[in-house]
């Protein structure tokens, strides 16, 4: 027997898009107050089965204007509009949070990760905050033209960091082969 059931799933008003949301399903035994176990074809227990994925679009309101405005254009029509920093004067062992503001002209040809490298004057990496956009919840192949959104990365500074001036390098790369998305006009990253 096949039972068709439409189940409304309300989205919390505070939910922030754009991101991809997984649709998981399962059954719950109300009498025993427990979730029914789900098994794969081999009989192994699995968590909630993933039955689909939907995109939560961005809010109607645009993200705030970045403190540091840019107009860096990467290939495939991606624009880095600017960034915010949690602080510009830091102490060893503290966190540095960088918020990037993206404006894609459509999906990118591959799922890229963002690299954020804090480097010294010789461009040696002191700290880094690499990762997929929006903590992996919004892959670059799902980006759409006309969107504008922020993307946050945090890195922990070493406890033995010497005082001095440091700068950030930002770009995108494919995790499979580490090839970087070129910046229009040359290079493969931007220096903040």
Protein backbone atom coordinates (compact mmCIF):
# COMPACT_ATOMS: atom_id res chain seq x y z
CA UNK A 1 0.00 0.00 0.00
CA UNK A 2 1.23 3.46 -0.86
CA UNK A 3 0.08 6.34 1.33
CA UNK A 4 0.45 9.87 0.03
CA UNK A 5 0.64 12.51 2.73
CA UNK A 6 1.33 16.23 2.34
CA UNK A 7 3.15 17.57 5.39
CA UNK A 8 3.67 21.32 5.70
CA UNK A 9 7.08 22.25 7.07
CA UNK A 10 7.20 25.82 8.38
CA UNK A 11 10.47 27.70 7.95
CA UNK A 12 11.59 29.68 10.98
CA UNK A 13 11.37 33.45 10.37
CA UNK A 14 14.99 33.86 11.50
CA UNK A 15 16.30 31.31 8.95
CA UNK A 16 18.95 32.89 6.73
CA UNK A 17 19.34 32.10 3.05
CA UNK A 18 20.50 31.48 0.55
CA UNK A 19 21.38 27.94 1.66
CA UNK A 20 20.41 24.42 0.71
CA UNK A 21 18.20 22.52 3.15
CA UNK A 22 18.04 18.74 3.37
CA UNK A 23 14.64 17.05 3.53
CA UNK A 24 14.83 14.06 5.85
CA UNK A 25 11.94 11.77 6.73
CA UNK A 26 11.15 9.14 9.30
CA UNK A 27 8.40 7.75 11.47
CA UNK A 28 7.79 8.21 15.17
CA UNK A 29 6.01 5.78 17.49
CA UNK A 30 3.89 8.01 19.71
CA UNK A 31 2.93 5.19 22.11
CA UNK A 32 6.54 4.26 22.85
CA UNK A 33 7.80 7.84 22.45
CA UNK A 34 10.63 6.88 20.10
CA UNK A 35 11.66 7.15 16.49
CA UNK A 36 11.39 4.02 14.37
CA UNK A 37 14.71 2.68 13.16
CA UNK A 38 15.47 2.92 9.45
CA UNK A 39 17.77 0.43 7.71
CA UNK A 40 19.47 0.51 4.33
CA UNK A 41 19.22 -2.29 1.72
CA UNK A 42 21.94 -4.28 3.54
CA UNK A 43 20.15 -4.05 6.86
CA UNK A 44 22.48 -1.46 8.41
CA UNK A 45 20.80 1.17 10.61
CA UNK A 46 20.89 4.68 9.21
CA UNK A 47 19.78 8.03 10.55
CA UNK A 48 16.97 9.91 8.93
CA UNK A 49 16.95 9.12 5.20
CA UNK A 50 17.65 12.08 2.96
CA UNK A 51 14.75 12.27 0.51
CA UNK A 52 15.40 15.60 -1.14
CA UNK A 53 16.96 19.03 -1.01
CA UNK A 54 15.44 22.50 -1.39
CA UNK A 55 16.91 25.95 -1.59
CA UNK A 56 16.01 28.57 0.99
CA UNK A 57 16.28 31.81 -0.92
CA UNK A 58 17.84 34.90 0.55
CA UNK A 59 15.76 37.35 2.48
CA UNK A 60 14.21 40.22 0.59
CA UNK A 61 16.50 42.59 2.43
CA UNK A 62 20.05 42.85 1.06
CA UNK A 63 23.01 42.16 3.34
CA UNK A 64 24.55 45.22 4.97
CA UNK A 65 27.09 47.26 3.04
CA UNK A 66 30.58 45.94 3.82
CA UNK A 67 32.93 48.16 5.83
CA UNK A 68 35.64 47.59 3.22
CA UNK A 69 34.13 47.85 -0.26
CA UNK A 70 35.75 46.05 -3.20
CA UNK A 71 34.93 45.19 -6.78
CA UNK A 72 37.04 42.08 -7.35
CA UNK A 73 35.86 40.03 -10.29
CA UNK A 74 36.64 36.35 -10.56
CA UNK A 75 36.09 34.26 -13.67
CA UNK A 76 32.58 32.86 -14.15
CA UNK A 77 31.15 36.27 -13.24
CA UNK A 78 31.68 36.10 -9.47
CA UNK A 79 32.16 39.43 -7.71
CA UNK A 80 33.64 39.96 -4.24
CA UNK A 81 31.92 43.20 -3.20
CA UNK A 82 33.78 43.68 0.07
CA UNK A 83 34.50 42.40 3.53
CA UNK A 84 34.22 43.09 7.25
CA UNK A 85 36.73 42.20 9.96
CA UNK A 86 35.90 41.47 13.58
CA UNK A 87 38.96 43.53 14.54
CA UNK A 88 42.06 45.05 12.99
CA UNK A 89 44.14 45.05 16.20
CA UNK A 90 44.43 41.53 17.56
CA UNK A 91 46.21 39.62 20.30
CA UNK A 92 47.95 36.25 20.02
CA UNK A 93 45.51 33.40 20.65
CA UNK A 94 42.45 35.45 19.70
CA UNK A 95 39.94 34.76 16.95
CA UNK A 96 39.73 36.77 13.76
CA UNK A 97 36.43 36.65 11.88
CA UNK A 98 36.26 37.72 8.25
CA UNK A 99 32.91 38.25 6.53
CA UNK A 100 32.99 38.19 2.74
CA UNK A 101 30.23 39.68 0.57
CA UNK A 102 29.59 37.77 -2.66
CA UNK A 103 27.53 38.69 -5.72
CA UNK A 104 27.49 35.80 -8.21
CA UNK A 105 26.26 36.13 -11.78
CA UNK A 106 25.15 32.51 -11.70
CA UNK A 107 26.36 29.10 -10.55
CA UNK A 108 30.09 28.38 -10.72
CA UNK A 109 31.26 25.44 -12.87
CA UNK A 110 32.45 23.43 -9.84
CA UNK A 111 31.92 23.30 -6.09
CA UNK A 112 34.64 25.60 -4.79
CA UNK A 113 35.92 26.09 -1.26
CA UNK A 114 37.02 29.50 -0.04
CA UNK A 115 40.52 29.98 1.30
CA UNK A 116 41.29 32.68 3.83
CA UNK A 117 44.98 32.87 4.74
CA UNK A 118 46.50 35.24 7.25
CA UNK A 119 50.08 35.77 6.06
CA UNK A 120 53.16 37.61 7.24
CA UNK A 121 55.35 39.95 5.19
CA UNK A 122 57.02 36.95 3.47
CA UNK A 123 53.53 35.54 2.70
CA UNK A 124 54.00 32.57 5.02
CA UNK A 125 50.64 31.31 6.26
CA UNK A 126 50.17 32.13 9.95
CA UNK A 127 46.50 31.09 10.26
CA UNK A 128 43.81 29.99 7.86
CA UNK A 129 40.08 29.54 7.67
CA UNK A 130 39.41 27.47 4.56
CA UNK A 131 36.01 25.94 3.98
CA UNK A 132 33.03 25.64 1.70
CA UNK A 133 30.72 28.67 1.53
CA UNK A 134 28.13 29.06 4.26
CA UNK A 135 29.69 26.20 6.24
CA UNK A 136 29.00 23.75 3.43
CA UNK A 137 25.29 24.56 3.20
CA UNK A 138 25.46 26.54 -0.05
CA UNK A 139 27.76 25.04 -2.70
CA UNK A 140 28.93 27.34 -5.46
CA UNK A 141 27.21 25.22 -8.14
CA UNK A 142 23.89 26.29 -6.55
CA UNK A 143 24.57 30.03 -6.58
CA UNK A 144 22.17 32.12 -8.67
CA UNK A 145 22.42 35.34 -10.63
CA UNK A 146 21.25 38.42 -8.75
CA UNK A 147 21.99 37.07 -5.28
CA UNK A 148 24.03 39.02 -2.76
CA UNK A 149 25.02 37.38 0.50
CA UNK A 150 27.61 37.33 3.25
CA UNK A 151 29.84 34.40 4.16
CA UNK A 152 31.76 34.19 7.45
CA UNK A 153 35.14 32.57 8.23
CA UNK A 154 36.88 32.47 11.61
CA UNK A 155 40.50 31.63 12.34
CA UNK A 156 42.38 31.23 15.60
CA UNK A 157 45.63 33.17 15.79
CA UNK A 158 48.66 31.28 17.17
CA UNK A 159 49.39 31.87 20.86
CA UNK A 160 53.03 32.64 20.02
CA UNK A 161 52.28 35.11 17.21
CA UNK A 162 54.83 37.92 17.05
CA UNK A 163 53.63 41.51 16.90
CA UNK A 164 53.66 43.02 13.43
CA UNK A 165 51.58 43.66 10.35
CA UNK A 166 49.77 40.82 8.63
CA UNK A 167 47.35 40.66 5.72
CA UNK A 168 44.72 38.29 4.37
CA UNK A 169 44.68 36.39 1.09
CA UNK A 170 41.26 35.27 -0.18
CA UNK A 171 40.27 33.13 -3.13
CA UNK A 172 38.43 29.98 -4.19
CA UNK A 173 39.71 26.51 -5.10
CA UNK A 174 38.35 23.10 -5.99
CA UNK A 175 39.05 20.67 -3.12
CA UNK A 176 39.61 17.75 -5.53
CA UNK A 177 42.73 19.21 -7.17
CA UNK A 178 43.33 22.55 -5.39
CA UNK A 179 43.02 24.47 -8.67
CA UNK A 180 42.08 28.06 -7.98
CA UNK A 181 39.41 30.17 -9.62
CA UNK A 182 41.28 32.93 -11.50
CA UNK A 183 40.69 36.61 -10.86
CA UNK A 184 39.73 38.49 -14.01
CA UNK A 185 42.79 40.38 -15.18
CA UNK A 186 45.28 37.96 -13.59
CA UNK A 187 46.08 36.20 -10.35
CA UNK A 188 44.21 33.64 -8.32
CA UNK A 189 43.46 35.51 -5.10
CA UNK A 190 42.86 38.95 -3.65
CA UNK A 191 44.97 40.54 -0.90
CA UNK A 192 42.93 42.31 1.77
